[in-house]
mmCIF file of all heavy atoms, coordinates in Angstrom:
data_MODEL
# 
_entry.id   MODEL 
# 
loop_
_atom_site.group_PDB 
_atom_site.id 
_atom_site.type_symbol 
_atom_site.label_atom_id 
_atom_site.label_alt_id 
_atom_site.label_comp_id 
_atom_site.label_asym_id 
_atom_site.label_entity_id 
_atom_site.label_seq_id 
_atom_site.pdbx_PDB_ins_code 
_atom_site.Cartn_x 
_atom_site.Cartn_y 
_atom_site.Cartn_z 
_atom_site.occupancy 
_atom_site.B_iso_or_equiv 
_atom_site.pdbx_formal_charge 
_atom_site.auth_seq_id 
_atom_site.auth_comp_id 
_atom_site.auth_asym_id 
_atom_site.auth_atom_id 
_atom_site.pdbx_PDB_model_num 
ATOM 1   N N   . PRO A 1 1  ? 102.835 73.629  113.175 1.00 0.00 ? 1  PRO A N   1 
ATOM 2   C CA  . PRO A 1 1  ? 103.476 73.545  111.945 1.00 0.00 ? 1  PRO A CA  1 
ATOM 3   C C   . PRO A 1 1  ? 103.104 74.624  110.886 1.00 0.00 ? 1  PRO A C   1 
ATOM 4   O O   . PRO A 1 1  ? 103.664 74.638  109.889 1.00 0.00 ? 1  PRO A O   1 
ATOM 5   C CB  . PRO A 1 1  ? 102.856 72.239  111.317 1.00 0.00 ? 1  PRO A CB  1 
ATOM 6   C CG  . PRO A 1 1  ? 101.656 72.035  112.024 1.00 0.00 ? 1  PRO A CG  1 
ATOM 7   C CD  . PRO A 1 1  ? 101.796 72.653  113.313 1.00 0.00 ? 1  PRO A CD  1 
ATOM 8   N N   . TRP A 1 2  ? 102.028 75.522  111.208 1.00 0.00 ? 2  TRP A N   1 
ATOM 9   C CA  . TRP A 1 2  ? 101.709 76.556  110.267 1.00 0.00 ? 2  TRP A CA  1 
ATOM 10  C C   . TRP A 1 2  ? 102.290 77.806  110.611 1.00 0.00 ? 2  TRP A C   1 
ATOM 11  O O   . TRP A 1 2  ? 102.044 78.793  109.849 1.00 0.00 ? 2  TRP A O   1 
ATOM 12  C CB  . TRP A 1 2  ? 100.173 76.650  110.415 1.00 0.00 ? 2  TRP A CB  1 
ATOM 13  C CG  . TRP A 1 2  ? 99.472  75.291  110.349 1.00 0.00 ? 2  TRP A CG  1 
ATOM 14  C CD1 . TRP A 1 2  ? 98.560  74.844  111.324 1.00 0.00 ? 2  TRP A CD1 1 
ATOM 15  C CD2 . TRP A 1 2  ? 99.615  74.285  109.367 1.00 0.00 ? 2  TRP A CD2 1 
ATOM 16  N NE1 . TRP A 1 2  ? 98.196  73.565  111.040 1.00 0.00 ? 2  TRP A NE1 1 
ATOM 17  C CE2 . TRP A 1 2  ? 98.877  73.186  109.766 1.00 0.00 ? 2  TRP A CE2 1 
ATOM 18  C CE3 . TRP A 1 2  ? 100.432 74.105  108.246 1.00 0.00 ? 2  TRP A CE3 1 
ATOM 19  C CZ2 . TRP A 1 2  ? 98.732  72.046  109.122 1.00 0.00 ? 2  TRP A CZ2 1 
ATOM 20  C CZ3 . TRP A 1 2  ? 100.395 72.952  107.473 1.00 0.00 ? 2  TRP A CZ3 1 
ATOM 21  C CH2 . TRP A 1 2  ? 99.499  71.897  107.986 1.00 0.00 ? 2  TRP A CH2 1 
ATOM 22  N N   . ARG A 1 3  ? 103.132 77.880  111.651 1.00 0.00 ? 3  ARG A N   1 
ATOM 23  C CA  . ARG A 1 3  ? 103.854 79.181  111.834 1.00 0.00 ? 3  ARG A CA  1 
ATOM 24  C C   . ARG A 1 3  ? 104.787 79.649  110.572 1.00 0.00 ? 3  ARG A C   1 
ATOM 25  O O   . ARG A 1 3  ? 104.722 80.869  110.377 1.00 0.00 ? 3  ARG A O   1 
ATOM 26  C CB  . ARG A 1 3  ? 104.700 79.087  113.142 1.00 0.00 ? 3  ARG A CB  1 
ATOM 27  C CG  . ARG A 1 3  ? 103.867 78.894  114.359 1.00 0.00 ? 3  ARG A CG  1 
ATOM 28  C CD  . ARG A 1 3  ? 104.726 78.846  115.544 1.00 0.00 ? 3  ARG A CD  1 
ATOM 29  N NE  . ARG A 1 3  ? 105.371 80.186  115.782 1.00 0.00 ? 3  ARG A NE  1 
ATOM 30  C CZ  . ARG A 1 3  ? 104.823 81.146  116.512 1.00 0.00 ? 3  ARG A CZ  1 
ATOM 31  N NH1 . ARG A 1 3  ? 103.672 80.963  117.191 1.00 0.00 ? 3  ARG A NH1 1 
ATOM 32  N NH2 . ARG A 1 3  ? 105.388 82.177  116.696 1.00 0.00 ? 3  ARG A NH2 1 
ATOM 33  N N   . ALA A 1 4  ? 105.396 78.680  110.085 1.00 0.00 ? 4  ALA A N   1 
ATOM 34  C CA  . ALA A 1 4  ? 106.378 79.120  108.893 1.00 0.00 ? 4  ALA A CA  1 
ATOM 35  C C   . ALA A 1 4  ? 105.469 79.598  107.737 1.00 0.00 ? 4  ALA A C   1 
ATOM 36  O O   . ALA A 1 4  ? 105.926 80.494  107.068 1.00 0.00 ? 4  ALA A O   1 
ATOM 37  C CB  . ALA A 1 4  ? 107.165 77.965  108.503 1.00 0.00 ? 4  ALA A CB  1 
ATOM 38  N N   . ARG A 1 5  ? 104.373 79.050  107.549 1.00 0.00 ? 5  ARG A N   1 
ATOM 39  C CA  . ARG A 1 5  ? 103.470 79.433  106.459 1.00 0.00 ? 5  ARG A CA  1 
ATOM 40  C C   . ARG A 1 5  ? 103.016 80.840  106.717 1.00 0.00 ? 5  ARG A C   1 
ATOM 41  O O   . ARG A 1 5  ? 102.843 81.760  105.830 1.00 0.00 ? 5  ARG A O   1 
ATOM 42  C CB  . ARG A 1 5  ? 102.240 78.389  106.279 1.00 0.00 ? 5  ARG A CB  1 
ATOM 43  C CG  . ARG A 1 5  ? 101.361 78.691  105.060 1.00 0.00 ? 5  ARG A CG  1 
ATOM 44  C CD  . ARG A 1 5  ? 102.062 78.697  103.759 1.00 0.00 ? 5  ARG A CD  1 
ATOM 45  N NE  . ARG A 1 5  ? 101.142 78.779  102.671 1.00 0.00 ? 5  ARG A NE  1 
ATOM 46  C CZ  . ARG A 1 5  ? 101.419 79.138  101.420 1.00 0.00 ? 5  ARG A CZ  1 
ATOM 47  N NH1 . ARG A 1 5  ? 102.781 79.414  101.147 1.00 0.00 ? 5  ARG A NH1 1 
ATOM 48  N NH2 . ARG A 1 5  ? 100.588 79.099  100.453 1.00 0.00 ? 5  ARG A NH2 1 
ATOM 49  N N   . ALA A 1 6  ? 102.605 81.142  107.972 1.00 0.00 ? 6  ALA A N   1 
ATOM 50  C CA  . ALA A 1 6  ? 102.132 82.526  108.234 1.00 0.00 ? 6  ALA A CA  1 
ATOM 51  C C   . ALA A 1 6  ? 103.250 83.509  108.029 1.00 0.00 ? 6  ALA A C   1 
ATOM 52  O O   . ALA A 1 6  ? 103.003 84.590  107.549 1.00 0.00 ? 6  ALA A O   1 
ATOM 53  C CB  . ALA A 1 6  ? 101.556 82.591  109.800 1.00 0.00 ? 6  ALA A CB  1 
ATOM 54  N N   . GLU A 1 7  ? 104.408 83.212  108.343 1.00 0.00 ? 7  GLU A N   1 
ATOM 55  C CA  . GLU A 1 7  ? 105.555 84.180  108.245 1.00 0.00 ? 7  GLU A CA  1 
ATOM 56  C C   . GLU A 1 7  ? 105.840 84.371  106.715 1.00 0.00 ? 7  GLU A C   1 
ATOM 57  O O   . GLU A 1 7  ? 106.262 85.351  106.328 1.00 0.00 ? 7  GLU A O   1 
ATOM 58  C CB  . GLU A 1 7  ? 106.754 83.527  108.951 1.00 0.00 ? 7  GLU A CB  1 
ATOM 59  C CG  . GLU A 1 7  ? 106.708 83.591  110.462 1.00 0.00 ? 7  GLU A CG  1 
ATOM 60  C CD  . GLU A 1 7  ? 107.796 82.681  111.189 1.00 0.00 ? 7  GLU A CD  1 
ATOM 61  O OE1 . GLU A 1 7  ? 108.510 81.985  110.431 1.00 0.00 ? 7  GLU A OE1 1 
ATOM 62  O OE2 . GLU A 1 7  ? 107.955 82.792  112.386 1.00 0.00 ? 7  GLU A OE2 1 
ATOM 63  N N   . ASP A 1 8  ? 105.616 83.239  105.966 1.00 0.00 ? 8  ASP A N   1 
ATOM 64  C CA  . ASP A 1 8  ? 105.779 83.424  104.413 1.00 0.00 ? 8  ASP A CA  1 
ATOM 65  C C   . ASP A 1 8  ? 104.736 84.410  103.949 1.00 0.00 ? 8  ASP A C   1 
ATOM 66  O O   . ASP A 1 8  ? 104.997 85.419  103.197 1.00 0.00 ? 8  ASP A O   1 
ATOM 67  C CB  . ASP A 1 8  ? 105.482 82.130  103.770 1.00 0.00 ? 8  ASP A CB  1 
ATOM 68  C CG  . ASP A 1 8  ? 106.648 81.126  103.849 1.00 0.00 ? 8  ASP A CG  1 
ATOM 69  O OD1 . ASP A 1 8  ? 107.719 81.506  104.271 1.00 0.00 ? 8  ASP A OD1 1 
ATOM 70  O OD2 . ASP A 1 8  ? 106.368 79.950  103.693 1.00 0.00 ? 8  ASP A OD2 1 
ATOM 71  N N   . HIS A 1 9  ? 103.544 84.363  104.446 1.00 0.00 ? 9  HIS A N   1 
ATOM 72  C CA  . HIS A 1 9  ? 102.487 85.232  104.118 1.00 0.00 ? 9  HIS A CA  1 
ATOM 73  C C   . HIS A 1 9  ? 102.787 86.748  104.503 1.00 0.00 ? 9  HIS A C   1 
ATOM 74  O O   . HIS A 1 9  ? 102.716 87.708  103.762 1.00 0.00 ? 9  HIS A O   1 
ATOM 75  C CB  . HIS A 1 9  ? 101.107 84.828  104.590 1.00 0.00 ? 9  HIS A CB  1 
ATOM 76  C CG  . HIS A 1 9  ? 100.330 83.815  103.897 1.00 0.00 ? 9  HIS A CG  1 
ATOM 77  N ND1 . HIS A 1 9  ? 100.092 83.972  102.580 1.00 0.00 ? 9  HIS A ND1 1 
ATOM 78  C CD2 . HIS A 1 9  ? 100.031 82.675  104.386 1.00 0.00 ? 9  HIS A CD2 1 
ATOM 79  C CE1 . HIS A 1 9  ? 99.498  82.871  102.205 1.00 0.00 ? 9  HIS A CE1 1 
ATOM 80  N NE2 . HIS A 1 9  ? 99.259  81.979  103.205 1.00 0.00 ? 9  HIS A NE2 1 
ATOM 81  N N   . ILE A 1 10 ? 103.514 86.980  105.670 1.00 0.00 ? 10 ILE A N   1 
ATOM 82  C CA  . ILE A 1 10 ? 103.760 88.216  106.174 1.00 0.00 ? 10 ILE A CA  1 
ATOM 83  C C   . ILE A 1 10 ? 104.848 88.857  105.289 1.00 0.00 ? 10 ILE A C   1 
ATOM 84  O O   . ILE A 1 10 ? 104.848 89.959  104.897 1.00 0.00 ? 10 ILE A O   1 
ATOM 85  C CB  . ILE A 1 10 ? 104.222 88.078  107.676 1.00 0.00 ? 10 ILE A CB  1 
ATOM 86  C CG1 . ILE A 1 10 ? 103.074 87.840  108.509 1.00 0.00 ? 10 ILE A CG1 1 
ATOM 87  C CG2 . ILE A 1 10 ? 105.027 89.355  108.031 1.00 0.00 ? 10 ILE A CG2 1 
ATOM 88  C CD1 . ILE A 1 10 ? 103.417 87.808  110.009 1.00 0.00 ? 10 ILE A CD1 1 
ATOM 89  N N   . ALA A 1 11 ? 105.907 88.015  104.805 1.00 0.00 ? 11 ALA A N   1 
ATOM 90  C CA  . ALA A 1 11 ? 106.873 88.475  103.833 1.00 0.00 ? 11 ALA A CA  1 
ATOM 91  C C   . ALA A 1 11 ? 106.286 89.000  102.704 1.00 0.00 ? 11 ALA A C   1 
ATOM 92  O O   . ALA A 1 11 ? 106.641 89.988  102.165 1.00 0.00 ? 11 ALA A O   1 
ATOM 93  C CB  . ALA A 1 11 ? 107.806 87.425  103.787 1.00 0.00 ? 11 ALA A CB  1 
ATOM 94  N N   . ILE A 1 12 ? 105.381 88.231  102.041 1.00 0.00 ? 12 ILE A N   1 
ATOM 95  C CA  . ILE A 1 12 ? 104.791 88.726  100.824 1.00 0.00 ? 12 ILE A CA  1 
ATOM 96  C C   . ILE A 1 12 ? 103.949 89.859  100.994 1.00 0.00 ? 12 ILE A C   1 
ATOM 97  O O   . ILE A 1 12 ? 104.056 90.889  100.181 1.00 0.00 ? 12 ILE A O   1 
ATOM 98  C CB  . ILE A 1 12 ? 103.938 87.499  100.274 1.00 0.00 ? 12 ILE A CB  1 
ATOM 99  C CG1 . ILE A 1 12 ? 104.795 86.218  99.989  1.00 0.00 ? 12 ILE A CG1 1 
ATOM 100 C CG2 . ILE A 1 12 ? 103.004 87.868  99.061  1.00 0.00 ? 12 ILE A CG2 1 
ATOM 101 C CD1 . ILE A 1 12 ? 104.023 84.931  99.622  1.00 0.00 ? 12 ILE A CD1 1 
ATOM 102 N N   . ALA A 1 13 ? 103.063 89.943  102.055 1.00 0.00 ? 13 ALA A N   1 
ATOM 103 C CA  . ALA A 1 13 ? 102.240 91.144  102.260 1.00 0.00 ? 13 ALA A CA  1 
ATOM 104 C C   . ALA A 1 13 ? 103.163 92.303  102.553 1.00 0.00 ? 13 ALA A C   1 
ATOM 105 O O   . ALA A 1 13 ? 102.749 93.563  102.211 1.00 0.00 ? 13 ALA A O   1 
ATOM 106 C CB  . ALA A 1 13 ? 101.336 90.744  103.524 1.00 0.00 ? 13 ALA A CB  1 
ATOM 107 N N   . THR A 1 14 ? 104.198 92.174  103.296 1.00 0.00 ? 14 THR A N   1 
ATOM 108 C CA  . THR A 1 14 ? 105.227 93.353  103.457 1.00 0.00 ? 14 THR A CA  1 
ATOM 109 C C   . THR A 1 14 ? 105.601 93.884  102.195 1.00 0.00 ? 14 THR A C   1 
ATOM 110 O O   . THR A 1 14 ? 105.734 95.204  102.080 1.00 0.00 ? 14 THR A O   1 
ATOM 111 C CB  . THR A 1 14 ? 106.296 92.980  104.404 1.00 0.00 ? 14 THR A CB  1 
ATOM 112 O OG1 . THR A 1 14 ? 105.801 92.328  105.642 1.00 0.00 ? 14 THR A OG1 1 
ATOM 113 C CG2 . THR A 1 14 ? 107.236 94.040  104.701 1.00 0.00 ? 14 THR A CG2 1 
ATOM 114 N N   . ALA A 1 15 ? 105.962 93.046  101.226 1.00 0.00 ? 15 ALA A N   1 
ATOM 115 C CA  . ALA A 1 15 ? 106.408 93.640  100.005 1.00 0.00 ? 15 ALA A CA  1 
ATOM 116 C C   . ALA A 1 15 ? 105.269 94.162  99.200  1.00 0.00 ? 15 ALA A C   1 
ATOM 117 O O   . ALA A 1 15 ? 105.429 95.352  98.563  1.00 0.00 ? 15 ALA A O   1 
ATOM 118 C CB  . ALA A 1 15 ? 106.914 92.431  99.066  1.00 0.00 ? 15 ALA A CB  1 
ATOM 119 N N   . ASP A 1 16 ? 104.087 93.633  99.311  1.00 0.00 ? 16 ASP A N   1 
ATOM 120 C CA  . ASP A 1 16 ? 102.831 94.336  98.744  1.00 0.00 ? 16 ASP A CA  1 
ATOM 121 C C   . ASP A 1 16 ? 102.607 95.668  99.337  1.00 0.00 ? 16 ASP A C   1 
ATOM 122 O O   . ASP A 1 16 ? 102.155 96.591  98.681  1.00 0.00 ? 16 ASP A O   1 
ATOM 123 C CB  . ASP A 1 16 ? 101.684 93.356  98.880  1.00 0.00 ? 16 ASP A CB  1 
ATOM 124 C CG  . ASP A 1 16 ? 101.882 92.118  98.014  1.00 0.00 ? 16 ASP A CG  1 
ATOM 125 O OD1 . ASP A 1 16 ? 102.561 92.134  97.043  1.00 0.00 ? 16 ASP A OD1 1 
ATOM 126 O OD2 . ASP A 1 16 ? 101.131 91.100  98.314  1.00 0.00 ? 16 ASP A OD2 1 
ATOM 127 N N   . SER A 1 17 ? 102.657 95.787  100.740 1.00 0.00 ? 17 SER A N   1 
ATOM 128 C CA  . SER A 1 17 ? 102.436 96.994  101.392 1.00 0.00 ? 17 SER A CA  1 
ATOM 129 C C   . SER A 1 17 ? 103.430 97.958  101.020 1.00 0.00 ? 17 SER A C   1 
ATOM 130 O O   . SER A 1 17 ? 103.059 99.237  100.892 1.00 0.00 ? 17 SER A O   1 
ATOM 131 C CB  . SER A 1 17 ? 102.545 96.756  102.897 1.00 0.00 ? 17 SER A CB  1 
ATOM 132 O OG  . SER A 1 17 ? 102.326 97.933  103.633 1.00 0.00 ? 17 SER A OG  1 
ATOM 133 N N   . ALA A 1 18 ? 104.606 97.760  100.683 1.00 0.00 ? 18 ALA A N   1 
ATOM 134 C CA  . ALA A 1 18 ? 105.662 98.692  100.251 1.00 0.00 ? 18 ALA A CA  1 
ATOM 135 C C   . ALA A 1 18 ? 105.211 99.391  99.002  1.00 0.00 ? 18 ALA A C   1 
ATOM 136 O O   . ALA A 1 18 ? 105.535 100.526 98.660  1.00 0.00 ? 18 ALA A O   1 
ATOM 137 C CB  . ALA A 1 18 ? 106.971 98.130  100.204 1.00 0.00 ? 18 ALA A CB  1 
ATOM 138 N N   . ARG A 1 19 ? 104.475 98.496  98.083  1.00 0.00 ? 19 ARG A N   1 
ATOM 139 C CA  . ARG A 1 19 ? 104.135 98.909  96.844  1.00 0.00 ? 19 ARG A CA  1 
ATOM 140 C C   . ARG A 1 19 ? 102.746 99.653  96.841  1.00 0.00 ? 19 ARG A C   1 
ATOM 141 O O   . ARG A 1 19 ? 102.251 100.272 95.943  1.00 0.00 ? 19 ARG A O   1 
ATOM 142 C CB  . ARG A 1 19 ? 104.125 97.738  95.865  1.00 0.00 ? 19 ARG A CB  1 
ATOM 143 C CG  . ARG A 1 19 ? 105.475 97.287  95.420  1.00 0.00 ? 19 ARG A CG  1 
ATOM 144 C CD  . ARG A 1 19 ? 105.342 96.315  94.368  1.00 0.00 ? 19 ARG A CD  1 
ATOM 145 N NE  . ARG A 1 19 ? 104.591 95.073  94.590  1.00 0.00 ? 19 ARG A NE  1 
ATOM 146 C CZ  . ARG A 1 19 ? 105.094 93.943  95.212  1.00 0.00 ? 19 ARG A CZ  1 
ATOM 147 N NH1 . ARG A 1 19 ? 106.513 93.993  95.282  1.00 0.00 ? 19 ARG A NH1 1 
ATOM 148 N NH2 . ARG A 1 19 ? 104.198 92.905  95.390  1.00 0.00 ? 19 ARG A NH2 1 
ATOM 149 N N   . ALA A 1 20 ? 101.935 99.400  97.870  1.00 0.00 ? 20 ALA A N   1 
ATOM 150 C CA  . ALA A 1 20 ? 100.723 100.010 97.980  1.00 0.00 ? 20 ALA A CA  1 
ATOM 151 C C   . ALA A 1 20 ? 100.789 101.556 98.159  1.00 0.00 ? 20 ALA A C   1 
ATOM 152 O O   . ALA A 1 20 ? 101.776 101.983 98.810  1.00 0.00 ? 20 ALA A O   1 
ATOM 153 C CB  . ALA A 1 20 ? 99.876  99.362  99.050  1.00 0.00 ? 20 ALA A CB  1 
ATOM 154 N N   . GLN A 1 21 ? 99.738  102.228 97.611  1.00 0.00 ? 21 GLN A N   1 
ATOM 155 C CA  . GLN A 1 21 ? 99.755  103.766 97.895  1.00 0.00 ? 21 GLN A CA  1 
ATOM 156 C C   . GLN A 1 21 ? 98.612  104.086 98.776  1.00 0.00 ? 21 GLN A C   1 
ATOM 157 O O   . GLN A 1 21 ? 97.540  103.488 98.667  1.00 0.00 ? 21 GLN A O   1 
ATOM 158 C CB  . GLN A 1 21 ? 99.644  104.309 96.473  1.00 0.00 ? 21 GLN A CB  1 
ATOM 159 C CG  . GLN A 1 21 ? 100.881 104.223 95.601  1.00 0.00 ? 21 GLN A CG  1 
ATOM 160 C CD  . GLN A 1 21 ? 100.687 104.787 94.292  1.00 0.00 ? 21 GLN A CD  1 
ATOM 161 O OE1 . GLN A 1 21 ? 99.553  104.878 93.689  1.00 0.00 ? 21 GLN A OE1 1 
ATOM 162 N NE2 . GLN A 1 21 ? 101.716 105.364 93.675  1.00 0.00 ? 21 GLN A NE2 1 
ATOM 163 N N   . ALA A 1 22 ? 98.817  105.272 99.562  1.00 0.00 ? 22 ALA A N   1 
ATOM 164 C CA  . ALA A 1 22 ? 97.769  105.648 100.375 1.00 0.00 ? 22 ALA A CA  1 
ATOM 165 C C   . ALA A 1 22 ? 96.614  106.204 99.498  1.00 0.00 ? 22 ALA A C   1 
ATOM 166 O O   . ALA A 1 22 ? 96.888  106.681 98.400  1.00 0.00 ? 22 ALA A O   1 
ATOM 167 C CB  . ALA A 1 22 ? 98.257  106.817 101.194 1.00 0.00 ? 22 ALA A CB  1 
ATOM 168 N N   . ALA A 1 23 ? 95.436  106.050 100.027 1.00 0.00 ? 23 ALA A N   1 
ATOM 169 C CA  . ALA A 1 23 ? 94.192  106.506 99.213  1.00 0.00 ? 23 ALA A CA  1 
ATOM 170 C C   . ALA A 1 23 ? 94.025  108.088 99.279  1.00 0.00 ? 23 ALA A C   1 
ATOM 171 O O   . ALA A 1 23 ? 94.154  108.700 100.277 1.00 0.00 ? 23 ALA A O   1 
ATOM 172 C CB  . ALA A 1 23 ? 92.985  105.811 99.783  1.00 0.00 ? 23 ALA A CB  1 
ATOM 173 N N   . VAL A 1 24 ? 93.893  108.685 98.173  1.00 0.00 ? 24 VAL A N   1 
ATOM 174 C CA  . VAL A 1 24 ? 93.620  110.132 98.032  1.00 0.00 ? 24 VAL A CA  1 
ATOM 175 C C   . VAL A 1 24 ? 92.226  110.372 97.473  1.00 0.00 ? 24 VAL A C   1 
ATOM 176 O O   . VAL A 1 24 ? 91.899  109.824 96.412  1.00 0.00 ? 24 VAL A O   1 
ATOM 177 C CB  . VAL A 1 24 ? 94.659  110.848 97.290  1.00 0.00 ? 24 VAL A CB  1 
ATOM 178 C CG1 . VAL A 1 24 ? 94.424  112.233 97.098  1.00 0.00 ? 24 VAL A CG1 1 
ATOM 179 C CG2 . VAL A 1 24 ? 96.066  110.540 97.844  1.00 0.00 ? 24 VAL A CG2 1 
ATOM 180 N N   . GLN A 1 25 ? 91.465  111.217 98.239  1.00 0.00 ? 25 GLN A N   1 
ATOM 181 C CA  . GLN A 1 25 ? 90.177  111.650 97.647  1.00 0.00 ? 25 GLN A CA  1 
ATOM 182 C C   . GLN A 1 25 ? 90.242  113.208 97.455  1.00 0.00 ? 25 GLN A C   1 
ATOM 183 O O   . GLN A 1 25 ? 90.622  113.829 98.394  1.00 0.00 ? 25 GLN A O   1 
ATOM 184 C CB  . GLN A 1 25 ? 89.013  111.326 98.670  1.00 0.00 ? 25 GLN A CB  1 
ATOM 185 C CG  . GLN A 1 25 ? 87.765  111.732 98.225  1.00 0.00 ? 25 GLN A CG  1 
ATOM 186 C CD  . GLN A 1 25 ? 86.626  111.281 99.233  1.00 0.00 ? 25 GLN A CD  1 
ATOM 187 O OE1 . GLN A 1 25 ? 86.891  110.845 100.263 1.00 0.00 ? 25 GLN A OE1 1 
ATOM 188 N NE2 . GLN A 1 25 ? 85.334  111.541 98.813  1.00 0.00 ? 25 GLN A NE2 1 
ATOM 189 N N   . ALA A 1 26 ? 89.832  113.698 96.305  1.00 0.00 ? 26 ALA A N   1 
ATOM 190 C CA  . ALA A 1 26 ? 89.995  115.108 95.980  1.00 0.00 ? 26 ALA A CA  1 
ATOM 191 C C   . ALA A 1 26 ? 88.576  115.622 95.629  1.00 0.00 ? 26 ALA A C   1 
ATOM 192 O O   . ALA A 1 26 ? 87.601  114.927 95.399  1.00 0.00 ? 26 ALA A O   1 
ATOM 193 C CB  . ALA A 1 26 ? 90.974  115.296 94.865  1.00 0.00 ? 26 ALA A CB  1 
# 
């Protein structure tokens, strides 16, 4: 019964990942 909840988390994390930026060290 928790597969749907996991898929919800993946959808949210995918949106967060698109907004995340790669780390730059100068």
